[in-house]
Amino acid sequence: ATSTGVPVVFGVLTTDTIEQAVERAGTKA
């Protein structure tokens, strides 16, 4: 993003468990 000036939106989930990841991929969170 900083080298090109093109916005790069960081949507990589970093979670402790698969359950937390699933919650952020369209369920509770």
Full PDB file with SEQRES, HELIX, SHEET, SSBOND, CRYST1, ORIGX, SCALE, CONECT and MASTER records, all heavy atoms in Angstrom:
SEQRES   1 A   29  ALA THR SER THR GLY VAL PRO VAL VAL PHE GLY VAL LEU          
SEQRES   2 A   29  THR THR ASP THR ILE GLU GLN ALA VAL GLU ARG ALA GLY          
SEQRES   3 A   29  THR LYS ALA                                                  
HELIX    1 AA1 ILE A   18  ARG A   24  1                                   7    
CRYST1    1.000    1.000    1.000  90.00  90.00  90.00 P 1           1          
ORIGX1      1.000000  0.000000  0.000000        0.00000                         
ORIGX2      0.000000  1.000000  0.000000        0.00000                         
ORIGX3      0.000000  0.000000  1.000000        0.00000                         
SCALE1      1.000000  0.000000  0.000000        0.00000                         
SCALE2      0.000000  1.000000  0.000000        0.00000                         
SCALE3      0.000000  0.000000  1.000000        0.00000                         
ATOM      1  N   ALA A   1       0.831  -1.215   0.000  1.00  0.00           N  
ATOM      2  CA  ALA A   1       0.000   0.000   0.000  1.00  0.00           C  
ATOM      3  C   ALA A   1       0.859   1.256   0.000  1.00  0.00           C  
ATOM      4  O   ALA A   1       0.620   2.178  -0.788  1.00  0.00           O  
ATOM      5  CB  ALA A   1      -0.940  -0.008   1.204  1.00  0.00           C  
ATOM      6  N   THR A   2       1.869   1.287   0.856  1.00  0.00           N  
ATOM      7  CA  THR A   2       2.669   2.507   0.940  1.00  0.00           C  
ATOM      8  C   THR A   2       3.597   2.682  -0.261  1.00  0.00           C  
ATOM      9  O   THR A   2       3.883   3.808  -0.657  1.00  0.00           O  
ATOM     10  CB  THR A   2       3.486   2.556   2.248  1.00  0.00           C  
ATOM     11  OG1 THR A   2       4.302   1.390   2.345  1.00  0.00           O  
ATOM     12  CG2 THR A   2       2.571   2.656   3.452  1.00  0.00           C  
ATOM     13  N   SER A   3       4.024   1.588  -0.864  1.00  0.00           N  
ATOM     14  CA  SER A   3       4.936   1.719  -2.006  1.00  0.00           C  
ATOM     15  C   SER A   3       4.216   2.028  -3.318  1.00  0.00           C  
ATOM     16  O   SER A   3       4.795   2.624  -4.214  1.00  0.00           O  
ATOM     17  CB  SER A   3       5.797   0.460  -2.163  1.00  0.00           C  
ATOM     18  OG  SER A   3       5.010  -0.641  -2.577  1.00  0.00           O  
ATOM     19  N   THR A   4       2.949   1.630  -3.430  1.00  0.00           N  
ATOM     20  CA  THR A   4       2.210   1.864  -4.672  1.00  0.00           C  
ATOM     21  C   THR A   4       1.218   3.015  -4.566  1.00  0.00           C  
ATOM     22  O   THR A   4       0.790   3.547  -5.586  1.00  0.00           O  
ATOM     23  CB  THR A   4       1.416   0.612  -5.099  1.00  0.00           C  
ATOM     24  OG1 THR A   4       0.427   0.319  -4.104  1.00  0.00           O  
ATOM     25  CG2 THR A   4       2.333  -0.588  -5.313  1.00  0.00           C  
ATOM     26  N   GLY A   5       0.803   3.357  -3.357  1.00  0.00           N  
ATOM     27  CA  GLY A   5      -0.240   4.357  -3.180  1.00  0.00           C  
ATOM     28  C   GLY A   5      -1.635   3.807  -3.418  1.00  0.00           C  
ATOM     29  O   GLY A   5      -2.621   4.537  -3.348  1.00  0.00           O  
ATOM     30  N   VAL A   6      -1.735   2.522  -3.683  1.00  0.00           N  
ATOM     31  CA  VAL A   6      -3.030   1.864  -3.890  1.00  0.00           C  
ATOM     32  C   VAL A   6      -3.460   1.272  -2.542  1.00  0.00           C  
ATOM     33  O   VAL A   6      -2.692   0.547  -1.912  1.00  0.00           O  
ATOM     34  CB  VAL A   6      -2.927   0.747  -4.951  1.00  0.00           C  
ATOM     35  CG1 VAL A   6      -4.226  -0.037  -5.052  1.00  0.00           C  
ATOM     36  CG2 VAL A   6      -2.556   1.343  -6.301  1.00  0.00           C  
ATOM     37  N   PRO A   7      -4.674   1.585  -2.088  1.00  0.00           N  
ATOM     38  CA  PRO A   7      -5.116   1.019  -0.812  1.00  0.00           C  
ATOM     39  C   PRO A   7      -5.114  -0.514  -0.852  1.00  0.00           C  
ATOM     40  O   PRO A   7      -5.621  -1.124  -1.793  1.00  0.00           O  
ATOM     41  CB  PRO A   7      -6.547   1.536  -0.652  1.00  0.00           C  
ATOM     42  CG  PRO A   7      -6.627   2.738  -1.534  1.00  0.00           C  
ATOM     43  CD  PRO A   7      -5.692   2.473  -2.674  1.00  0.00           C  
ATOM     44  N   VAL A   8      -4.516  -1.109   0.165  1.00  0.00           N  
ATOM     45  CA  VAL A   8      -4.565  -2.548   0.366  1.00  0.00           C  
ATOM     46  C   VAL A   8      -5.195  -2.748   1.737  1.00  0.00           C  
ATOM     47  O   VAL A   8      -4.599  -2.406   2.754  1.00  0.00           O  
ATOM     48  CB  VAL A   8      -3.168  -3.203   0.308  1.00  0.00           C  
ATOM     49  CG1 VAL A   8      -3.270  -4.702   0.582  1.00  0.00           C  
ATOM     50  CG2 VAL A   8      -2.506  -2.945  -1.043  1.00  0.00           C  
ATOM     51  N   VAL A   9      -6.409  -3.250   1.755  1.00  0.00           N  
ATOM     52  CA  VAL A   9      -7.141  -3.433   3.001  1.00  0.00           C  
ATOM     53  C   VAL A   9      -6.843  -4.835   3.519  1.00  0.00           C  
ATOM     54  O   VAL A   9      -7.041  -5.827   2.813  1.00  0.00           O  
ATOM     55  CB  VAL A   9      -8.655  -3.217   2.791  1.00  0.00           C  
ATOM     56  CG1 VAL A   9      -9.401  -3.399   4.099  1.00  0.00           C  
ATOM     57  CG2 VAL A   9      -8.916  -1.828   2.217  1.00  0.00           C  
ATOM     58  N   PHE A  10      -6.360  -4.899   4.745  1.00  0.00           N  
ATOM     59  CA  PHE A  10      -5.893  -6.157   5.335  1.00  0.00           C  
ATOM     60  C   PHE A  10      -7.040  -6.862   6.045  1.00  0.00           C  
ATOM     61  O   PHE A  10      -7.482  -6.449   7.109  1.00  0.00           O  
ATOM     62  CB  PHE A  10      -4.748  -5.871   6.307  1.00  0.00           C  
ATOM     63  CG  PHE A  10      -4.054  -7.099   6.805  1.00  0.00           C  
ATOM     64  CD1 PHE A  10      -3.251  -7.847   5.959  1.00  0.00           C  
ATOM     65  CD2 PHE A  10      -4.191  -7.507   8.118  1.00  0.00           C  
ATOM     66  CE1 PHE A  10      -2.591  -8.977   6.420  1.00  0.00           C  
ATOM     67  CE2 PHE A  10      -3.540  -8.628   8.585  1.00  0.00           C  
ATOM     68  CZ  PHE A  10      -2.732  -9.372   7.735  1.00  0.00           C  
ATOM     69  N   GLY A  11      -7.518  -7.923   5.435  1.00  0.00           N  
ATOM     70  CA  GLY A  11      -8.619  -8.701   5.987  1.00  0.00           C  
ATOM     71  C   GLY A  11      -8.208 -10.122   6.307  1.00  0.00           C  
ATOM     72  O   GLY A  11      -8.967 -11.058   6.080  1.00  0.00           O  
ATOM     73  N   VAL A  12      -7.009 -10.275   6.822  1.00  0.00           N  
ATOM     74  CA  VAL A  12      -6.547 -11.604   7.229  1.00  0.00           C  
ATOM     75  C   VAL A  12      -6.891 -11.779   8.701  1.00  0.00           C  
ATOM     76  O   VAL A  12      -6.389 -11.042   9.551  1.00  0.00           O  
ATOM     77  CB  VAL A  12      -5.034 -11.776   6.987  1.00  0.00           C  
ATOM     78  CG1 VAL A  12      -4.570 -13.137   7.495  1.00  0.00           C  
ATOM     79  CG2 VAL A  12      -4.704 -11.616   5.503  1.00  0.00           C  
ATOM     80  N   LEU A  13      -7.759 -12.720   8.986  1.00  0.00           N  
ATOM     81  CA  LEU A  13      -8.131 -13.003  10.363  1.00  0.00           C  
ATOM     82  C   LEU A  13      -6.950 -13.650  11.069  1.00  0.00           C  
ATOM     83  O   LEU A  13      -6.308 -14.547  10.513  1.00  0.00           O  
ATOM     84  CB  LEU A  13      -9.327 -13.945  10.414  1.00  0.00           C  
ATOM     85  CG  LEU A  13     -10.606 -13.489   9.716  1.00  0.00           C  
ATOM     86  CD1 LEU A  13     -11.674 -14.569   9.842  1.00  0.00           C  
ATOM     87  CD2 LEU A  13     -11.092 -12.173  10.272  1.00  0.00           C  
ATOM     88  N   THR A  14      -6.660 -13.210  12.254  1.00  0.00           N  
ATOM     89  CA  THR A  14      -5.612 -13.812  13.076  1.00  0.00           C  
ATOM     90  C   THR A  14      -6.267 -14.181  14.393  1.00  0.00           C  
ATOM     91  O   THR A  14      -6.540 -13.315  15.229  1.00  0.00           O  
ATOM     92  CB  THR A  14      -4.438 -12.834  13.288  1.00  0.00           C  
ATOM     93  OG1 THR A  14      -4.937 -11.602  13.793  1.00  0.00           O  
ATOM     94  CG2 THR A  14      -3.720 -12.575  11.970  1.00  0.00           C  
ATOM     95  N   THR A  15      -6.551 -15.466  14.551  1.00  0.00           N  
ATOM     96  CA  THR A  15      -7.325 -15.919  15.714  1.00  0.00           C  
ATOM     97  C   THR A  15      -6.614 -17.056  16.437  1.00  0.00           C  
ATOM     98  O   THR A  15      -5.710 -17.690  15.887  1.00  0.00           O  
ATOM     99  CB  THR A  15      -8.725 -16.397  15.283  1.00  0.00           C  
ATOM    100  OG1 THR A  15      -8.581 -17.531  14.412  1.00  0.00           O  
ATOM    101  CG2 THR A  15      -9.498 -15.294  14.564  1.00  0.00           C  
ATOM    102  N   ASP A  16      -7.072 -17.282  17.645  1.00  0.00           N  
ATOM    103  CA  ASP A  16      -6.517 -18.381  18.436  1.00  0.00           C  
ATOM    104  C   ASP A  16      -7.164 -19.717  18.096  1.00  0.00           C  
ATOM    105  O   ASP A  16      -6.539 -20.763  18.234  1.00  0.00           O  
ATOM    106  CB  ASP A  16      -6.692 -18.104  19.936  1.00  0.00           C  
ATOM    107  CG  ASP A  16      -5.799 -16.983  20.415  1.00  0.00           C  
ATOM    108  OD1 ASP A  16      -4.657 -16.882  19.927  1.00  0.00           O  
ATOM    109  OD2 ASP A  16      -6.243 -16.199  21.279  1.00  0.00           O  
ATOM    110  N   THR A  17      -8.435 -19.683  17.645  1.00  0.00           N  
ATOM    111  CA  THR A  17      -9.152 -20.932  17.372  1.00  0.00           C  
ATOM    112  C   THR A  17      -9.936 -20.842  16.066  1.00  0.00           C  
ATOM    113  O   THR A  17     -10.255 -19.740  15.594  1.00  0.00           O  
ATOM    114  CB  THR A  17     -10.170 -21.242  18.498  1.00  0.00           C  
ATOM    115  OG1 THR A  17     -11.193 -20.246  18.485  1.00  0.00           O  
ATOM    116  CG2 THR A  17      -9.485 -21.289  19.871  1.00  0.00           C  
ATOM    117  N   ILE A  18     -10.274 -21.985  15.534  1.00  0.00           N  
ATOM    118  CA  ILE A  18     -11.107 -22.041  14.328  1.00  0.00           C  
ATOM    119  C   ILE A  18     -12.487 -21.451  14.627  1.00  0.00           C  
ATOM    120  O   ILE A  18     -13.076 -20.787  13.782  1.00  0.00           O  
ATOM    121  CB  ILE A  18     -11.217 -23.482  13.769  1.00  0.00           C  
ATOM    122  CG1 ILE A  18     -11.975 -23.503  12.437  1.00  0.00           C  
ATOM    123  CG2 ILE A  18     -11.869 -24.426  14.743  1.00  0.00           C  
ATOM    124  CD1 ILE A  18     -11.225 -22.948  11.275  1.00  0.00           C  
ATOM    125  N   GLU A  19     -12.980 -21.645  15.829  1.00  0.00           N  
ATOM    126  CA  GLU A  19     -14.291 -21.108  16.198  1.00  0.00           C  
ATOM    127  C   GLU A  19     -14.295 -19.580  16.122  1.00  0.00           C  
ATOM    128  O   GLU A  19     -15.263 -18.985  15.632  1.00  0.00           O  
ATOM    129  CB  GLU A  19     -14.692 -21.574  17.611  1.00  0.00           C  
ATOM    130  CG  GLU A  19     -14.969 -23.064  17.726  1.00  0.00           C  
ATOM    131  CD  GLU A  19     -13.699 -23.925  17.841  1.00  0.00           C  
ATOM    132  OE1 GLU A  19     -12.609 -23.377  18.113  1.00  0.00           O  
ATOM    133  OE2 GLU A  19     -13.810 -25.148  17.633  1.00  0.00           O  
ATOM    134  N   GLN A  20     -13.222 -18.951  16.605  1.00  0.00           N  
ATOM    135  CA  GLN A  20     -13.130 -17.495  16.521  1.00  0.00           C  
ATOM    136  C   GLN A  20     -13.098 -17.029  15.069  1.00  0.00           C  
ATOM    137  O   GLN A  20     -13.716 -16.025  14.718  1.00  0.00           O  
ATOM    138  CB  GLN A  20     -11.875 -17.000  17.243  1.00  0.00           C  
ATOM    139  CG  GLN A  20     -11.917 -17.137  18.734  1.00  0.00           C  
ATOM    140  CD  GLN A  20     -10.570 -16.816  19.373  1.00  0.00           C  
ATOM    141  OE1 GLN A  20      -9.528 -16.859  18.726  1.00  0.00           O  
ATOM    142  NE2 GLN A  20     -10.596 -16.495  20.663  1.00  0.00           N  
ATOM    143  N   ALA A  21     -12.397 -17.767  14.232  1.00  0.00           N  
ATOM    144  CA  ALA A  21     -12.312 -17.409  12.817  1.00  0.00           C  
ATOM    145  C   ALA A  21     -13.682 -17.517  12.152  1.00  0.00           C  
ATOM    146  O   ALA A  21     -14.097 -16.623  11.402  1.00  0.00           O  
ATOM    147  CB  ALA A  21     -11.294 -18.294  12.107  1.00  0.00           C  
ATOM    148  N   VAL A  22     -14.403 -18.590  12.424  1.00  0.00           N  
ATOM    149  CA  VAL A  22     -15.733 -18.789  11.842  1.00  0.00           C  
ATOM    150  C   VAL A  22     -16.677 -17.670  12.291  1.00  0.00           C  
ATOM    151  O   VAL A  22     -17.463 -17.161  11.491  1.00  0.00           O  
ATOM    152  CB  VAL A  22     -16.286 -20.184  12.208  1.00  0.00           C  
ATOM    153  CG1 VAL A  22     -17.760 -20.307  11.853  1.00  0.00           C  
ATOM    154  CG2 VAL A  22     -15.473 -21.272  11.510  1.00  0.00           C  
ATOM    155  N   GLU A  23     -16.569 -17.256  13.561  1.00  0.00           N  
ATOM    156  CA  GLU A  23     -17.411 -16.169  14.065  1.00  0.00           C  
ATOM    157  C   GLU A  23     -17.192 -14.879  13.279  1.00  0.00           C  
ATOM    158  O   GLU A  23     -18.114 -14.113  13.048  1.00  0.00           O  
ATOM    159  CB  GLU A  23     -17.116 -15.899  15.549  1.00  0.00           C  
ATOM    160  CG  GLU A  23     -17.668 -16.945  16.477  1.00  0.00           C  
ATOM    161  CD  GLU A  23     -17.270 -16.697  17.929  1.00  0.00           C  
ATOM    162  OE1 GLU A  23     -16.602 -15.668  18.226  1.00  0.00           O  
ATOM    163  OE2 GLU A  23     -17.633 -17.534  18.762  1.00  0.00           O  
ATOM    164  N   ARG A  24     -15.959 -14.627  12.842  1.00  0.00           N  
ATOM    165  CA  ARG A  24     -15.621 -13.384  12.138  1.00  0.00           C  
ATOM    166  C   ARG A  24     -15.847 -13.497  10.625  1.00  0.00           C  
ATOM    167  O   ARG A  24     -15.676 -12.531   9.904  1.00  0.00           O  
ATOM    168  CB  ARG A  24     -14.174 -13.002  12.443  1.00  0.00           C  
ATOM    169  CG  ARG A  24     -14.010 -12.519  13.863  1.00  0.00           C  
ATOM    170  CD  ARG A  24     -12.554 -12.540  14.321  1.00  0.00           C  
ATOM    171  NE  ARG A  24     -12.408 -12.051  15.685  1.00  0.00           N  
ATOM    172  CZ  ARG A  24     -12.696 -12.736  16.785  1.00  0.00           C  
ATOM    173  NH1 ARG A  24     -13.172 -13.967  16.681  1.00  0.00           N  
ATOM    174  NH2 ARG A  24     -12.517 -12.215  17.978  1.00  0.00           N  
ATOM    175  N   ALA A  25     -16.214 -14.678  10.189  1.00  0.00           N  
ATOM    176  CA  ALA A  25     -16.431 -14.907   8.758  1.00  0.00           C  
ATOM    177  C   ALA A  25     -17.910 -15.003   8.415  1.00  0.00           C  
ATOM    178  O   ALA A  25     -18.289 -15.630   7.433  1.00  0.00           O  
ATOM    179  CB  ALA A  25     -15.698 -16.173   8.322  1.00  0.00           C  
ATOM    180  N   GLY A  26     -18.745 -14.395   9.240  1.00  0.00           N  
ATOM    181  CA  GLY A  26     -20.152 -14.317   8.860  1.00  0.00           C  
ATOM    182  C   GLY A  26     -21.132 -14.814   9.884  1.00  0.00           C  
ATOM    183  O   GLY A  26     -22.327 -14.862   9.608  1.00  0.00           O  
ATOM    184  N   THR A  27     -20.676 -15.177  11.078  1.00  0.00           N  
ATOM    185  CA  THR A  27     -21.655 -15.602  12.085  1.00  0.00           C  
ATOM    186  C   THR A  27     -21.757 -14.524  13.165  1.00  0.00           C  
ATOM    187  O   THR A  27     -22.101 -13.399  12.869  1.00  0.00           O  
ATOM    188  CB  THR A  27     -21.308 -16.996  12.666  1.00  0.00           C  
ATOM    189  OG1 THR A  27     -20.025 -16.957  13.280  1.00  0.00           O  
ATOM    190  CG2 THR A  27     -21.323 -18.062  11.580  1.00  0.00           C  
ATOM    191  N   LYS A  28     -21.425 -14.828  14.403  1.00  0.00           N  
ATOM    192  CA  LYS A  28     -21.645 -13.922  15.535  1.00  0.00           C  
ATOM    193  C   LYS A  28     -20.979 -12.556  15.399  1.00  0.00           C  
ATOM    194  O   LYS A  28     -21.548 -11.543  15.791  1.00  0.00           O  
ATOM    195  CB  LYS A  28     -21.130 -14.562  16.829  1.00  0.00           C  
ATOM    196  CG  LYS A  28     -21.894 -15.750  17.293  1.00  0.00           C  
ATOM    197  CD  LYS A  28     -21.282 -16.237  18.603  1.00  0.00           C  
ATOM    198  CE  LYS A  28     -21.789 -17.602  18.979  1.00  0.00           C  
ATOM    199  NZ  LYS A  28     -21.118 -18.092  20.181  1.00  0.00           N  
ATOM    200  N   ALA A  29     -19.767 -12.514  14.908  1.00  0.00           N  
ATOM    201  CA  ALA A  29     -18.992 -11.265  14.896  1.00  0.00           C  
ATOM    202  C   ALA A  29     -19.044 -10.554  13.548  1.00  0.00           C  
ATOM    203  O   ALA A  29     -18.189  -9.730  13.250  1.00  0.00           O  
ATOM    204  CB  ALA A  29     -17.549 -11.550  15.300  1.00  0.00           C  
TER     205      ALA A  29                                                      
MASTER        0    0    0    1    0    0    0    6  204    1    0    3          
END                                                                             
